[in-house]
Amino acid sequence: MKSIVIVLKAIMRALANLCKLFWNNKVGYLVFILKKEFITQLRKGEFHSFGKGSLLGIDSIILKAKYISIGINSSFGNRMTLTCYDSIQTPDQIEYYTPSITIGDGVSIGEDAHITCINKIVIGNNVLMGKKVLITDNAHGSSKLDVLDIAPMSRPLYSKGPVVIEDNVWIGEKASIMPGVHIGKSAIIGANAVVTKDVPSYTVVGGIPAKIIKKVNK
């Protein structure tokens, strides 16, 4: 009888610990969602447009949101940097730009992502990104000799062209999408890849610089 009591007590303790764990996780997740909802409601009016059901991340840096359009049901990871620059002061003058970022429906962007724009960035529907992904359409100046003699922080921003990412693209963790790149529909970008050239639809690319690893025939 004593052994049965001991076993029953052990079972009850185990059940109690499981309930406690479930309760803590449930409450923690609820608090997390409420924080994201609060931040979203606080800032969504700054955007050019902001779709229903989309949620901003916690501790994110967002600059010039008036140039950014976001579709419905898209989610953004914590500590994301999302910036547009419409002007920059150089030693000689103020340089002006016309940035535009468009993010489609059902997009999921991982934590610590960095998207920066002076020209145009278009992200299609249902794009999935891992953590620490970089997408940029600009750099601190070109590689011309007269520009290289200027301190990098004082150079005018330079764009080789817009970045376009079509629907259903999957971008792995720590990948970098560089200026002037067009990524076709349903492509896969491997983790840590640096994409400097266009990626055809239905292809897998990886490496530095990224190269085609596989083509999928429909």
Protein backbone atom coordinates (compact mmCIF):
# COMPACT_ATOMS: atom_id res chain seq x y z
CA MET A 1 0.00 0.00 0.00
CA LYS A 2 2.80 2.38 0.92
CA SER A 3 4.51 1.82 -2.44
CA ILE A 4 1.25 2.63 -4.27
CA VAL A 5 0.95 5.90 -2.36
CA ILE A 6 4.53 6.81 -3.27
CA VAL A 7 3.86 6.09 -6.95
CA LEU A 8 0.62 8.11 -6.89
CA LYS A 9 2.40 11.06 -5.29
CA ALA A 10 5.12 10.90 -7.95
CA ILE A 11 2.50 10.87 -10.69
CA MET A 12 0.69 13.84 -9.15
CA ARG A 13 3.94 15.81 -8.87
CA ALA A 14 4.71 15.07 -12.52
CA LEU A 15 1.22 16.18 -13.59
CA ALA A 16 1.52 19.34 -11.53
CA ASN A 17 4.87 20.19 -13.12
CA LEU A 18 3.43 19.59 -16.60
CA CYS A 19 0.45 21.83 -15.86
CA LYS A 20 2.74 24.51 -14.50
CA LEU A 21 4.95 24.34 -17.59
CA PHE A 22 1.93 24.51 -19.92
CA TRP A 23 0.45 27.42 -17.99
CA ASN A 24 3.71 29.39 -17.99
CA ASN A 25 4.22 28.84 -21.72
CA LYS A 26 0.64 29.76 -22.49
CA VAL A 27 0.79 32.97 -20.45
CA GLY A 28 4.23 33.85 -21.88
CA TYR A 29 3.01 33.41 -25.44
CA LEU A 30 -0.09 35.51 -24.72
CA VAL A 31 2.05 38.33 -23.30
CA PHE A 32 4.34 38.11 -26.35
CA ILE A 33 1.41 38.44 -28.79
CA LEU A 34 -0.13 41.29 -26.78
CA LYS A 35 3.19 43.19 -26.92
CA LYS A 36 3.36 42.78 -30.70
CA GLU A 37 -0.27 43.82 -31.06
CA PHE A 38 0.31 46.93 -28.92
CA ILE A 39 3.37 47.98 -30.94
CA THR A 40 1.50 47.35 -34.20
CA GLN A 41 -1.48 49.45 -33.17
CA LEU A 42 0.86 52.19 -31.96
CA ARG A 43 2.86 52.43 -35.21
CA LYS A 44 0.76 51.15 -38.10
CA GLY A 45 -0.60 54.63 -38.83
CA GLU A 46 2.92 55.73 -39.81
CA PHE A 47 2.94 53.40 -42.83
CA HIS A 48 1.76 54.22 -46.35
CA SER A 49 -0.57 51.22 -45.94
CA PHE A 50 -0.79 48.43 -43.37
CA GLY A 51 -2.85 45.29 -43.97
CA LYS A 52 -5.21 43.61 -41.56
CA GLY A 53 -3.71 40.86 -39.42
CA SER A 54 -0.08 41.92 -39.88
CA LEU A 55 2.12 42.24 -36.77
CA LEU A 56 5.32 44.21 -36.18
CA GLY A 57 8.16 42.85 -34.09
CA ILE A 58 9.28 43.97 -30.63
CA ASP A 59 12.30 46.30 -30.30
CA SER A 60 12.37 47.01 -34.03
CA ILE A 61 13.91 50.04 -35.74
CA ILE A 62 11.60 51.56 -38.38
CA LEU A 63 12.57 54.72 -40.27
CA LYS A 64 10.39 56.70 -42.71
CA ALA A 65 7.49 54.22 -42.57
CA LYS A 66 5.46 56.50 -44.85
CA TYR A 67 7.31 54.94 -47.79
CA ILE A 68 6.43 51.37 -46.73
CA SER A 69 3.35 49.35 -47.71
CA ILE A 70 2.54 46.06 -45.95
CA GLY A 71 -0.08 43.51 -47.01
CA ILE A 72 -2.38 41.37 -44.89
CA ASN A 73 -1.37 38.64 -42.41
CA SER A 74 2.37 39.33 -42.57
CA SER A 75 4.61 38.95 -39.53
CA PHE A 76 7.91 40.57 -38.57
CA GLY A 77 10.47 39.19 -36.16
CA ASN A 78 11.80 41.03 -33.15
CA ARG A 79 14.68 43.52 -33.43
CA MET A 80 14.11 44.01 -37.14
CA THR A 81 15.55 47.06 -38.93
CA LEU A 82 13.28 48.46 -41.65
CA THR A 83 14.54 51.76 -43.04
CA CYS A 84 13.93 54.12 -45.95
CA TYR A 85 16.18 57.11 -46.68
CA ASP A 86 14.81 60.02 -48.70
CA SER A 87 17.84 62.27 -48.16
CA ILE A 88 21.40 62.28 -46.84
CA GLN A 89 23.79 65.12 -46.09
CA THR A 90 27.09 64.88 -47.99
CA PRO A 91 30.04 67.32 -47.58
CA ASP A 92 28.84 69.29 -50.61
CA GLN A 93 25.07 69.07 -50.59
CA ILE A 94 21.96 67.19 -49.56
CA GLU A 95 21.26 64.16 -51.75
CA TYR A 96 17.58 63.24 -52.25
CA TYR A 97 16.04 59.81 -52.96
CA THR A 98 12.58 58.33 -53.62
CA PRO A 99 12.41 55.08 -51.60
CA SER A 100 9.58 52.56 -51.76
CA ILE A 101 9.21 49.24 -49.91
CA THR A 102 6.25 46.99 -50.74
CA ILE A 103 5.73 43.80 -48.71
CA GLY A 104 2.97 41.43 -49.81
CA ASP A 105 0.46 39.19 -48.06
CA GLY A 106 1.41 36.29 -45.80
CA VAL A 107 5.08 37.26 -45.59
CA SER A 108 7.13 36.02 -42.62
CA ILE A 109 10.39 37.83 -41.83
CA GLY A 110 12.68 36.41 -39.13
CA GLU A 111 14.29 38.11 -36.15
CA ASP A 112 17.13 40.62 -36.61
CA ALA A 113 16.39 41.07 -40.33
CA HIS A 114 17.65 44.25 -42.01
CA ILE A 115 15.82 45.79 -44.97
CA THR A 116 17.07 49.17 -46.18
CA CYS A 117 15.96 51.20 -49.20
CA ILE A 118 16.63 54.38 -51.19
CA ASN A 119 15.21 53.12 -54.48
CA LYS A 120 12.67 50.28 -54.57
CA ILE A 121 12.24 46.93 -52.81
CA VAL A 122 9.31 44.65 -53.66
CA ILE A 123 8.66 41.47 -51.65
CA GLY A 124 5.88 39.27 -53.04
CA ASN A 125 3.25 37.15 -51.31
CA ASN A 126 4.03 34.23 -48.98
CA VAL A 127 7.78 34.90 -48.84
CA LEU A 128 9.50 33.20 -45.90
CA MET A 129 12.77 34.52 -44.44
CA GLY A 130 15.02 33.12 -41.72
CA LYS A 131 16.79 35.16 -39.06
CA LYS A 132 19.33 37.91 -39.81
CA VAL A 133 18.50 38.25 -43.50
CA LEU A 134 19.80 41.39 -45.24
CA ILE A 135 17.96 42.98 -48.17
CA THR A 136 19.39 46.23 -49.54
CA ASP A 137 19.09 48.25 -52.73
CA ASN A 138 21.92 50.62 -51.83
CA ALA A 139 25.49 51.05 -50.64
CA HIS A 140 27.68 53.86 -49.29
CA GLY A 141 28.80 55.13 -52.70
CA SER A 142 29.92 53.38 -55.87
CA SER A 143 33.35 51.83 -56.52
CA LYS A 144 34.55 54.73 -58.69
CA LEU A 145 37.94 56.21 -57.78
CA ASP A 146 36.70 59.74 -57.10
CA VAL A 147 34.14 58.35 -54.63
CA LEU A 148 36.62 56.06 -52.85
CA ASP A 149 38.66 59.08 -51.76
CA ILE A 150 35.69 60.23 -49.65
CA ALA A 151 35.14 58.83 -46.15
CA PRO A 152 32.48 56.08 -46.46
CA MET A 153 30.05 57.78 -44.07
CA SER A 154 30.25 60.98 -46.15
CA ARG A 155 29.62 59.35 -49.52
CA PRO A 156 26.23 59.73 -51.20
CA LEU A 157 24.18 56.54 -51.10
CA TYR A 158 24.20 54.68 -54.39
CA SER A 159 21.74 52.15 -55.85
CA LYS A 160 22.48 49.73 -58.71
CA GLY A 161 18.74 49.16 -59.06
CA PRO A 162 15.60 47.87 -57.33
CA VAL A 163 15.32 44.53 -55.52
CA VAL A 164 12.36 42.35 -56.53
CA ILE A 165 11.48 39.10 -54.73
CA GLU A 166 8.56 37.24 -56.29
CA ASP A 167 5.93 35.06 -54.58
CA ASN A 168 6.68 31.92 -52.53
CA VAL A 169 10.42 32.53 -52.21
CA TRP A 170 12.22 30.96 -49.24
CA ILE A 171 15.30 32.81 -47.98
CA GLY A 172 17.55 31.01 -45.51
CA GLU A 173 19.12 32.39 -42.34
CA LYS A 174 21.80 35.11 -42.69
CA ALA A 175 21.37 35.35 -46.48
CA SER A 176 22.11 38.72 -48.14
CA ILE A 177 20.15 40.03 -51.12
CA MET A 178 22.16 42.78 -52.80
CA PRO A 179 21.10 45.78 -54.97
CA GLY A 180 19.69 45.26 -58.43
CA VAL A 181 18.71 41.60 -57.85
CA HIS A 182 15.49 39.97 -59.11
CA ILE A 183 14.54 36.66 -57.47
CA GLY A 184 12.00 34.61 -59.40
CA LYS A 185 8.92 32.81 -58.12
CA SER A 186 9.35 29.86 -55.73
CA ALA A 187 13.16 30.11 -55.65
CA ILE A 188 15.13 28.94 -52.59
CA ILE A 189 18.06 30.98 -51.26
CA GLY A 190 20.41 28.94 -49.08
CA ALA A 191 21.55 30.04 -45.63
CA ASN A 192 24.49 32.50 -45.62
CA ALA A 193 24.21 33.01 -49.41
CA VAL A 194 25.18 36.39 -50.88
CA VAL A 195 22.95 37.00 -53.90
CA THR A 196 24.51 39.46 -56.36
CA LYS A 197 22.79 38.36 -59.59
CA ASP A 198 19.25 37.52 -60.68
CA VAL A 199 17.83 34.16 -59.57
CA PRO A 200 15.47 32.34 -61.98
CA SER A 201 12.15 30.94 -60.78
CA TYR A 202 12.13 27.41 -59.35
CA THR A 203 15.86 27.28 -58.64
CA VAL A 204 17.95 26.67 -55.54
CA VAL A 205 21.00 28.90 -55.05
CA GLY A 206 23.72 29.07 -52.41
CA GLY A 207 27.26 30.22 -51.70
CA ILE A 208 29.28 33.46 -51.83
CA PRO A 209 28.51 34.74 -54.37
CA ALA A 210 25.36 32.66 -54.81
CA LYS A 211 25.28 30.19 -57.68
CA ILE A 212 22.60 27.85 -58.97
CA ILE A 213 22.71 24.48 -57.15
CA LYS A 214 19.55 22.97 -58.59
CA LYS A 215 16.86 23.72 -61.16
CA VAL A 216 13.39 22.30 -60.66
CA ASN A 217 11.50 21.51 -63.86
CA LYS A 218 7.74 21.91 -63.63
